[in-house]
PDB file of N, CA and C in Angstrom:
ATOM      1  N   UNK A   1      -7.028  12.407  -5.259  1.00  0.00           N
ATOM      2  CA  UNK A   1      -7.112  11.868  -6.616  1.00  0.00           C
ATOM      3  C   UNK A   1      -5.502  12.614  -6.847  1.00  0.00           C
ATOM      4  N   UNK A   2      -4.158  11.514  -6.486  1.00  0.00           N
ATOM      5  CA  UNK A   2      -3.154  11.946  -6.830  1.00  0.00           C
ATOM      6  C   UNK A   2      -3.231  13.295  -8.611  1.00  0.00           C
ATOM      7  N   UNK A   3      -2.876  13.545  -8.680  1.00  0.00           N
ATOM      8  CA  UNK A   3      -2.578  14.460  -9.480  1.00  0.00           C
ATOM      9  C   UNK A   3      -1.066  14.096 -10.653  1.00  0.00           C
ATOM     10  N   UNK A   4      -0.275  13.650  -9.573  1.00  0.00           N
ATOM     11  CA  UNK A   4       1.471  12.943  -9.380  1.00  0.00           C
ATOM     12  C   UNK A   4       1.220  11.666  -9.327  1.00  0.00           C
ATOM     13  N   UNK A   5       1.951  10.727 -10.275  1.00  0.00           N
ATOM     14  CA  UNK A   5       2.106   9.231  -9.400  1.00  0.00           C
ATOM     15  C   UNK A   5       2.936   8.754  -9.138  1.00  0.00           C
ATOM     16  N   UNK A   6       3.607   8.704  -8.586  1.00  0.00           N
ATOM     17  CA  UNK A   6       4.763   8.822  -7.210  1.00  0.00           C
ATOM     18  C   UNK A   6       5.651   7.718  -8.768  1.00  0.00           C
ATOM     19  N   UNK A   7       7.157   7.125  -8.396  1.00  0.00           N
ATOM     20  CA  UNK A   7       7.792   6.674  -9.728  1.00  0.00           C
ATOM     21  C   UNK A   7       8.479   6.142  -8.910  1.00  0.00           C
ATOM     22  N   UNK A   8       8.586   5.029  -9.091  1.00  0.00           N
ATOM     23  CA  UNK A   8       9.731   4.205  -8.223  1.00  0.00           C
ATOM     24  C   UNK A   8      10.925   4.351  -9.021  1.00  0.00           C
ATOM     25  N   UNK A   9      11.625   4.902  -8.087  1.00  0.00           N
ATOM     26  CA  UNK A   9      13.168   4.373  -8.575  1.00  0.00           C
ATOM     27  C   UNK A   9      13.762   3.572  -7.878  1.00  0.00           C
ATOM     28  N   UNK A  10      14.720   2.244  -9.222  1.00  0.00           N
ATOM     29  CA  UNK A  10      15.370   1.909  -9.355  1.00  0.00           C
ATOM     30  C   UNK A  10      16.956   1.752  -9.137  1.00  0.00           C
ATOM     31  N   UNK A  11      17.257   0.726  -8.681  1.00  0.00           N
ATOM     32  CA  UNK A  11      19.139   1.547  -8.388  1.00  0.00           C
ATOM     33  C   UNK A  11      19.654   1.304  -9.503  1.00  0.00           C
ATOM     34  N   UNK A  12      20.591   1.820  -9.765  1.00  0.00           N
ATOM     35  CA  UNK A  12      21.911   1.509 -11.251  1.00  0.00           C
ATOM     36  C   UNK A  12      22.497   0.368 -11.334  1.00  0.00           C
ATOM     37  N   UNK A  13      21.296  -0.595 -12.552  1.00  0.00           N
ATOM     38  CA  UNK A  13      22.633  -1.910 -12.311  1.00  0.00           C
ATOM     39  C   UNK A  13      21.042  -2.730 -12.733  1.00  0.00           C
ATOM     40  N   UNK A  14      20.211  -2.720 -11.852  1.00  0.00           N
ATOM     41  CA  UNK A  14      19.075  -3.690 -11.711  1.00  0.00           C
ATOM     42  C   UNK A  14      18.068  -3.655 -12.379  1.00  0.00           C
ATOM     43  N   UNK A  15      18.049  -4.752 -13.519  1.00  0.00           N
ATOM     44  CA  UNK A  15      17.533  -5.271 -14.400  1.00  0.00           C
ATOM     45  C   UNK A  15      15.816  -5.425 -14.064  1.00  0.00           C
ATOM     46  N   UNK A  16      14.637  -5.675 -14.904  1.00  0.00           N
ATOM     47  CA  UNK A  16      13.722  -6.108 -14.405  1.00  0.00           C
ATOM     48  C   UNK A  16      12.961  -6.627 -16.620  1.00  0.00           C
ATOM     49  N   UNK A  17      11.662  -8.217 -16.039  1.00  0.00           N
ATOM     50  CA  UNK A  17      10.664  -8.279 -17.506  1.00  0.00           C
ATOM     51  C   UNK A  17      10.108  -7.964 -17.452  1.00  0.00           C
ATOM     52  N   UNK A  18       9.638  -7.033 -17.754  1.00  0.00           N
ATOM     53  CA  UNK A  18       7.987  -6.296 -18.054  1.00  0.00           C
ATOM     54  C   UNK A  18       7.093  -7.302 -18.654  1.00  0.00           C
ATOM     55  N   UNK A  19       6.231  -8.167 -18.135  1.00  0.00           N
ATOM     56  CA  UNK A  19       5.354  -8.776 -18.340  1.00  0.00           C
ATOM     57  C   UNK A  19       4.565  -8.249 -19.171  1.00  0.00           C
ATOM     58  N   UNK A  20       3.608  -7.073 -19.540  1.00  0.00           N
ATOM     59  CA  UNK A  20       2.871  -6.482 -19.876  1.00  0.00           C
ATOM     60  C   UNK A  20       3.844  -5.856 -21.354  1.00  0.00           C
ATOM     61  N   UNK A  21       4.980  -5.695 -21.970  1.00  0.00           N
ATOM     62  CA  UNK A  21       5.357  -5.477 -22.702  1.00  0.00           C
ATOM     63  C   UNK A  21       6.639  -6.517 -23.923  1.00  0.00           C
ATOM     64  N   UNK A  22       6.665  -7.335 -22.640  1.00  0.00           N
ATOM     65  CA  UNK A  22       7.354  -8.461 -22.819  1.00  0.00           C
ATOM     66  C   UNK A  22       9.257  -7.753 -23.364  1.00  0.00           C
ATOM     67  N   UNK A  23       9.046  -7.459 -22.455  1.00  0.00           N
ATOM     68  CA  UNK A  23      10.673  -6.549 -22.888  1.00  0.00           C
ATOM     69  C   UNK A  23      11.234  -6.668 -21.699  1.00  0.00           C
ATOM     70  N   UNK A  24      12.628  -6.528 -21.803  1.00  0.00           N
ATOM     71  CA  UNK A  24      13.985  -5.766 -20.332  1.00  0.00           C
ATOM     72  C   UNK A  24      13.695  -4.518 -20.009  1.00  0.00           C
ATOM     73  N   UNK A  25      14.073  -4.428 -19.020  1.00  0.00           N
ATOM     74  CA  UNK A  25      13.806  -2.969 -18.629  1.00  0.00           C
ATOM     75  C   UNK A  25      15.074  -3.100 -17.403  1.00  0.00           C
ATOM     76  N   UNK A  26      15.495  -1.869 -18.240  1.00  0.00           N
ATOM     77  CA  UNK A  26      15.907  -1.093 -16.429  1.00  0.00           C
ATOM     78  C   UNK A  26      16.392  -0.197 -14.972  1.00  0.00           C
ATOM     79  N   UNK A  27      15.827  -0.548 -14.325  1.00  0.00           N
ATOM     80  CA  UNK A  27      15.374   0.186 -13.204  1.00  0.00           C
ATOM     81  C   UNK A  27      13.427  -0.271 -14.102  1.00  0.00           C
ATOM     82  N   UNK A  28      13.160   0.571 -12.910  1.00  0.00           N
ATOM     83  CA  UNK A  28      11.470  -0.381 -12.710  1.00  0.00           C
ATOM     84  C   UNK A  28       9.947   1.107 -13.447  1.00  0.00           C
ATOM     85  N   UNK A  29      10.708   0.813 -15.335  1.00  0.00           N
ATOM     86  CA  UNK A  29      10.326   1.426 -15.590  1.00  0.00           C
ATOM     87  C   UNK A  29       8.098   0.945 -15.844  1.00  0.00           C
ATOM     88  N   UNK A  30       7.876  -0.328 -15.211  1.00  0.00           N
ATOM     89  CA  UNK A  30       6.102  -1.055 -15.073  1.00  0.00           C
ATOM     90  C   UNK A  30       6.504  -0.608 -13.717  1.00  0.00           C
ATOM     91  N   UNK A  31       4.345  -1.036 -13.160  1.00  0.00           N
ATOM     92  CA  UNK A  31       4.130  -1.248 -12.258  1.00  0.00           C
ATOM     93  C   UNK A  31       4.661  -2.360 -11.467  1.00  0.00           C
ATOM     94  N   UNK A  32       5.541  -2.713 -10.139  1.00  0.00           N
ATOM     95  CA  UNK A  32       5.004  -3.629  -9.582  1.00  0.00           C
ATOM     96  C   UNK A  32       4.375  -5.495  -9.772  1.00  0.00           C
ATOM     97  N   UNK A  33       2.868  -5.074  -9.886  1.00  0.00           N
ATOM     98  CA  UNK A  33       2.116  -5.942  -9.846  1.00  0.00           C
ATOM     99  C   UNK A  33       2.527  -6.208 -11.776  1.00  0.00           C
ATOM    100  N   UNK A  34       3.837  -5.264 -12.781  1.00  0.00           N
ATOM    101  CA  UNK A  34       3.385  -6.553 -14.394  1.00  0.00           C
ATOM    102  C   UNK A  34       4.663  -6.027 -14.202  1.00  0.00           C
ATOM    103  N   UNK A  35       5.985  -6.906 -13.510  1.00  0.00           N
ATOM    104  CA  UNK A  35       7.259  -7.340 -14.017  1.00  0.00           C
ATOM    105  C   UNK A  35       7.915  -8.509 -12.877  1.00  0.00           C
ATOM    106  N   UNK A  36       9.000  -8.804 -13.454  1.00  0.00           N
ATOM    107  CA  UNK A  36       9.558  -9.344 -12.261  1.00  0.00           C
ATOM    108  C   UNK A  36      11.313  -9.096 -12.250  1.00  0.00           C
ATOM    109  N   UNK A  37      11.861  -9.236 -11.342  1.00  0.00           N
ATOM    110  CA  UNK A  37      12.681  -8.851 -10.702  1.00  0.00           C
ATOM    111  C   UNK A  37      13.106  -7.994  -9.311  1.00  0.00           C
ATOM    112  N   UNK A  38      13.981  -7.438  -9.071  1.00  0.00           N
ATOM    113  CA  UNK A  38      15.363  -7.343 -10.225  1.00  0.00           C
ATOM    114  C   UNK A  38      16.079  -8.303 -10.045  1.00  0.00           C
ATOM    115  N   UNK A  39      16.214  -8.536 -11.245  1.00  0.00           N
ATOM    116  CA  UNK A  39      18.395  -8.781 -11.896  1.00  0.00           C
ATOM    117  C   UNK A  39      19.031  -8.185 -11.716  1.00  0.00           C
ATOM    118  N   UNK A  40      20.449  -9.172 -11.451  1.00  0.00           N
ATOM    119  CA  UNK A  40      21.892  -8.284 -11.770  1.00  0.00           C
ATOM    120  C   UNK A  40      21.982  -7.596 -12.525  1.00  0.00           C
ATOM    121  N   UNK A  41      22.074  -9.027 -13.451  1.00  0.00           N
ATOM    122  CA  UNK A  41      21.861  -8.295 -15.407  1.00  0.00           C
ATOM    123  C   UNK A  41      20.747  -8.313 -16.118  1.00  0.00           C
ATOM    124  N   UNK A  42      21.064  -8.105 -17.403  1.00  0.00           N
ATOM    125  CA  UNK A  42      20.265  -7.709 -18.541  1.00  0.00           C
ATOM    126  C   UNK A  42      20.340  -9.548 -19.073  1.00  0.00           C
ATOM    127  N   UNK A  43      21.223 -10.024 -19.225  1.00  0.00           N
ATOM    128  CA  UNK A  43      20.990 -11.551 -19.545  1.00  0.00           C
ATOM    129  C   UNK A  43      20.227 -11.949 -18.721  1.00  0.00           C
ATOM    130  N   UNK A  44      20.409 -11.872 -17.225  1.00  0.00           N
ATOM    131  CA  UNK A  44      19.089 -12.703 -16.797  1.00  0.00           C
ATOM    132  C   UNK A  44      17.934 -12.428 -16.660  1.00  0.00           C
ATOM    133  N   UNK A  45      17.518 -10.941 -16.927  1.00  0.00           N
ATOM    134  CA  UNK A  45      16.202 -10.405 -17.287  1.00  0.00           C
ATOM    135  C   UNK A  45      15.329 -11.099 -18.128  1.00  0.00           C
ATOM    136  N   UNK A  46      16.537 -10.984 -19.343  1.00  0.00           N
ATOM    137  CA  UNK A  46      15.850 -11.860 -20.697  1.00  0.00           C
ATOM    138  C   UNK A  46      15.157 -13.219 -20.146  1.00  0.00           C
ATOM    139  N   UNK A  47      15.981 -13.464 -19.290  1.00  0.00           N
ATOM    140  CA  UNK A  47      16.099 -15.300 -19.101  1.00  0.00           C
ATOM    141  C   UNK A  47      14.505 -15.902 -17.895  1.00  0.00           C
ATOM    142  N   UNK A  48      14.037 -14.519 -17.728  1.00  0.00           N
ATOM    143  CA  UNK A  48      12.952 -14.063 -16.938  1.00  0.00           C
ATOM    144  C   UNK A  48      11.859 -15.051 -17.271  1.00  0.00           C
ATOM    145  N   UNK A  49      11.818 -15.829 -17.863  1.00  0.00           N
ATOM    146  CA  UNK A  49       9.904 -16.657 -18.186  1.00  0.00           C
ATOM    147  C   UNK A  49      10.523 -17.381 -17.668  1.00  0.00           C
ATOM    148  N   UNK A  50      11.920 -17.993 -18.921  1.00  0.00           N
ATOM    149  CA  UNK A  50      12.079 -19.778 -18.663  1.00  0.00           C
ATOM    150  C   UNK A  50      12.538 -19.696 -16.762  1.00  0.00           C
ATOM    151  N   UNK A  51      13.148 -18.930 -16.528  1.00  0.00           N
ATOM    152  CA  UNK A  51      13.173 -19.189 -15.420  1.00  0.00           C
ATOM    153  C   UNK A  51      12.133 -19.376 -14.476  1.00  0.00           C
ATOM    154  N   UNK A  52      11.053 -18.752 -14.473  1.00  0.00           N
ATOM    155  CA  UNK A  52      10.229 -19.069 -14.135  1.00  0.00           C
ATOM    156  C   UNK A  52       9.268 -20.456 -14.177  1.00  0.00           C
ATOM    157  N   UNK A  53       9.394 -20.580 -15.249  1.00  0.00           N
ATOM    158  CA  UNK A  53       8.425 -21.948 -15.957  1.00  0.00           C
ATOM    159  C   UNK A  53       9.060 -22.624 -15.221  1.00  0.00           C
ATOM    160  N   UNK A  54      10.952 -23.473 -15.100  1.00  0.00           N
ATOM    161  CA  UNK A  54      11.296 -23.793 -14.333  1.00  0.00           C
ATOM    162  C   UNK A  54      11.180 -24.209 -13.193  1.00  0.00           C
ATOM    163  N   UNK A  55      10.513 -23.425 -12.454  1.00  0.00           N
ATOM    164  CA  UNK A  55      10.634 -23.129 -11.120  1.00  0.00           C
ATOM    165  C   UNK A  55       9.271 -23.609 -10.694  1.00  0.00           C
ATOM    166  N   UNK A  56       8.191 -23.077 -11.965  1.00  0.00           N
ATOM    167  CA  UNK A  56       6.628 -23.627 -11.522  1.00  0.00           C
ATOM    168  C   UNK A  56       6.919 -25.335 -11.441  1.00  0.00           C
ATOM    169  N   UNK A  57       7.720 -25.496 -12.996  1.00  0.00           N
ATOM    170  CA  UNK A  57       7.532 -27.433 -13.043  1.00  0.00           C
ATOM    171  C   UNK A  57       8.419 -27.872 -11.223  1.00  0.00           C
ATOM    172  N   UNK A  58       9.779 -27.172 -10.923  1.00  0.00           N
ATOM    173  CA  UNK A  58      10.009 -27.719  -9.616  1.00  0.00           C
ATOM    174  C   UNK A  58       8.583 -27.900  -8.568  1.00  0.00           C
ATOM    175  N   UNK A  59       7.538 -26.577  -8.249  1.00  0.00           N
ATOM    176  CA  UNK A  59       6.982 -26.254  -7.145  1.00  0.00           C
ATOM    177  C   UNK A  59       5.456 -27.305  -7.961  1.00  0.00           C
ATOM    178  N   UNK A  60       6.022 -28.103  -8.300  1.00  0.00           N
ATOM    179  CA  UNK A  60       4.297 -28.662  -8.974  1.00  0.00           C
ATOM    180  C   UNK A  60       4.668 -30.062  -8.769  1.00  0.00           C
ATOM    181  N   UNK A  61       5.767 -30.246  -8.674  1.00  0.00           N
ATOM    182  CA  UNK A  61       6.304 -31.940  -8.708  1.00  0.00           C
ATOM    183  C   UNK A  61       7.392 -31.409  -7.257  1.00  0.00           C
ATOM    184  N   UNK A  62       7.350 -31.070  -5.947  1.00  0.00           N
ATOM    185  CA  UNK A  62       7.170 -30.493  -4.823  1.00  0.00           C
ATOM    186  C   UNK A  62       6.499 -31.753  -4.377  1.00  0.00           C
ATOM    187  N   UNK A  63       6.796 -32.630  -3.787  1.00  0.00           N
ATOM    188  CA  UNK A  63       5.884 -32.946  -2.357  1.00  0.00           C
ATOM    189  C   UNK A  63       5.086 -32.388  -1.869  1.00  0.00           C
ATOM    190  N   UNK A  64       5.922 -31.175  -0.268  1.00  0.00           N
ATOM    191  CA  UNK A  64       5.165 -30.748   0.164  1.00  0.00           C
ATOM    192  C   UNK A  64       4.285 -29.345  -0.348  1.00  0.00           C
ATOM    193  N   UNK A  65       3.794 -28.893  -1.858  1.00  0.00           N
ATOM    194  CA  UNK A  65       2.452 -28.397  -1.599  1.00  0.00           C
ATOM    195  C   UNK A  65       1.666 -29.343  -2.467  1.00  0.00           C
ATOM    196  N   UNK A  66       1.656 -30.322  -2.709  1.00  0.00           N
ATOM    197  CA  UNK A  66       0.573 -31.152  -3.060  1.00  0.00           C
ATOM    198  C   UNK A  66      -0.910 -30.668  -1.836  1.00  0.00           C
ATOM    199  N   UNK A  67      -1.548 -30.063  -1.746  1.00  0.00           N
ATOM    200  CA  UNK A  67      -3.073 -29.858  -0.878  1.00  0.00           C
ATOM    201  C   UNK A  67      -3.706 -31.540  -1.132  1.00  0.00           C
ATOM    202  N   UNK A  68      -3.733 -32.657  -1.655  1.00  0.00           N
ATOM    203  CA  UNK A  68      -4.542 -33.717  -1.663  1.00  0.00           C
ATOM    204  C   UNK A  68      -4.148 -34.495  -1.236  1.00  0.00           C
ATOM    205  N   UNK A  69      -4.486 -34.765  -0.598  1.00  0.00           N
ATOM    206  CA  UNK A  69      -4.384 -37.012  -0.135  1.00  0.00           C
ATOM    207  C   UNK A  69      -4.587 -37.633  -0.309  1.00  0.00           C
ATOM    208  N   UNK A  70      -2.663 -38.379   0.013  1.00  0.00           N
ATOM    209  CA  UNK A  70      -3.631 -39.684  -0.535  1.00  0.00           C
ATOM    210  C   UNK A  70      -4.012 -40.186  -1.216  1.00  0.00           C
ATOM    211  N   UNK A  71      -3.861 -41.380  -2.034  1.00  0.00           N
ATOM    212  CA  UNK A  71      -5.406 -42.281  -2.382  1.00  0.00           C
ATOM    213  C   UNK A  71      -5.802 -43.534  -1.187  1.00  0.00           C
ATOM    214  N   UNK A  72      -7.112 -43.001  -0.321  1.00  0.00           N
ATOM    215  CA  UNK A  72      -6.877 -44.078   0.160  1.00  0.00           C
ATOM    216  C   UNK A  72      -7.713 -45.496  -0.516  1.00  0.00           C
ATOM    217  N   UNK A  73      -7.813 -46.230   0.144  1.00  0.00           N
ATOM    218  CA  UNK A  73      -8.277 -47.913  -0.236  1.00  0.00           C
ATOM    219  C   UNK A  73      -9.134 -48.187   0.932  1.00  0.00           C
ATOM    220  N   UNK A  74     -10.562 -48.229   0.669  1.00  0.00           N
ATOM    221  CA  UNK A  74     -11.128 -48.905   0.864  1.00  0.00           C
ATOM    222  C   UNK A  74     -11.828 -49.911   0.211  1.00  0.00           C
ATOM    223  N   UNK A  75     -11.172 -51.424   0.573  1.00  0.00           N
ATOM    224  CA  UNK A  75     -11.463 -52.810   0.469  1.00  0.00           C
ATOM    225  C   UNK A  75     -11.942 -53.457   1.094  1.00  0.00           C
ATOM    226  N   UNK A  76     -12.808 -52.639   2.304  1.00  0.00           N
ATOM    227  CA  UNK A  76     -13.578 -53.862   3.450  1.00  0.00           C
ATOM    228  C   UNK A  76     -15.090 -53.779   3.184  1.00  0.00           C
TER     229      UNK A  76
END
């Protein structure tokens, strides 16, 4: 077990949205599993959840990602 945590250092001007604390961070303060980003600006990071919702709707409606086969008609 390590005595010290390895801290990920971000580049200046990188913004993240922390899913645990529900706040915008400059540089990665929380673990990667708990954040979205990096974003180029604070404003982009503030809208991370809205962007994720929009992308989810797009993906849910994208016919390339549907695993269910088309309905078959068995009228024989």
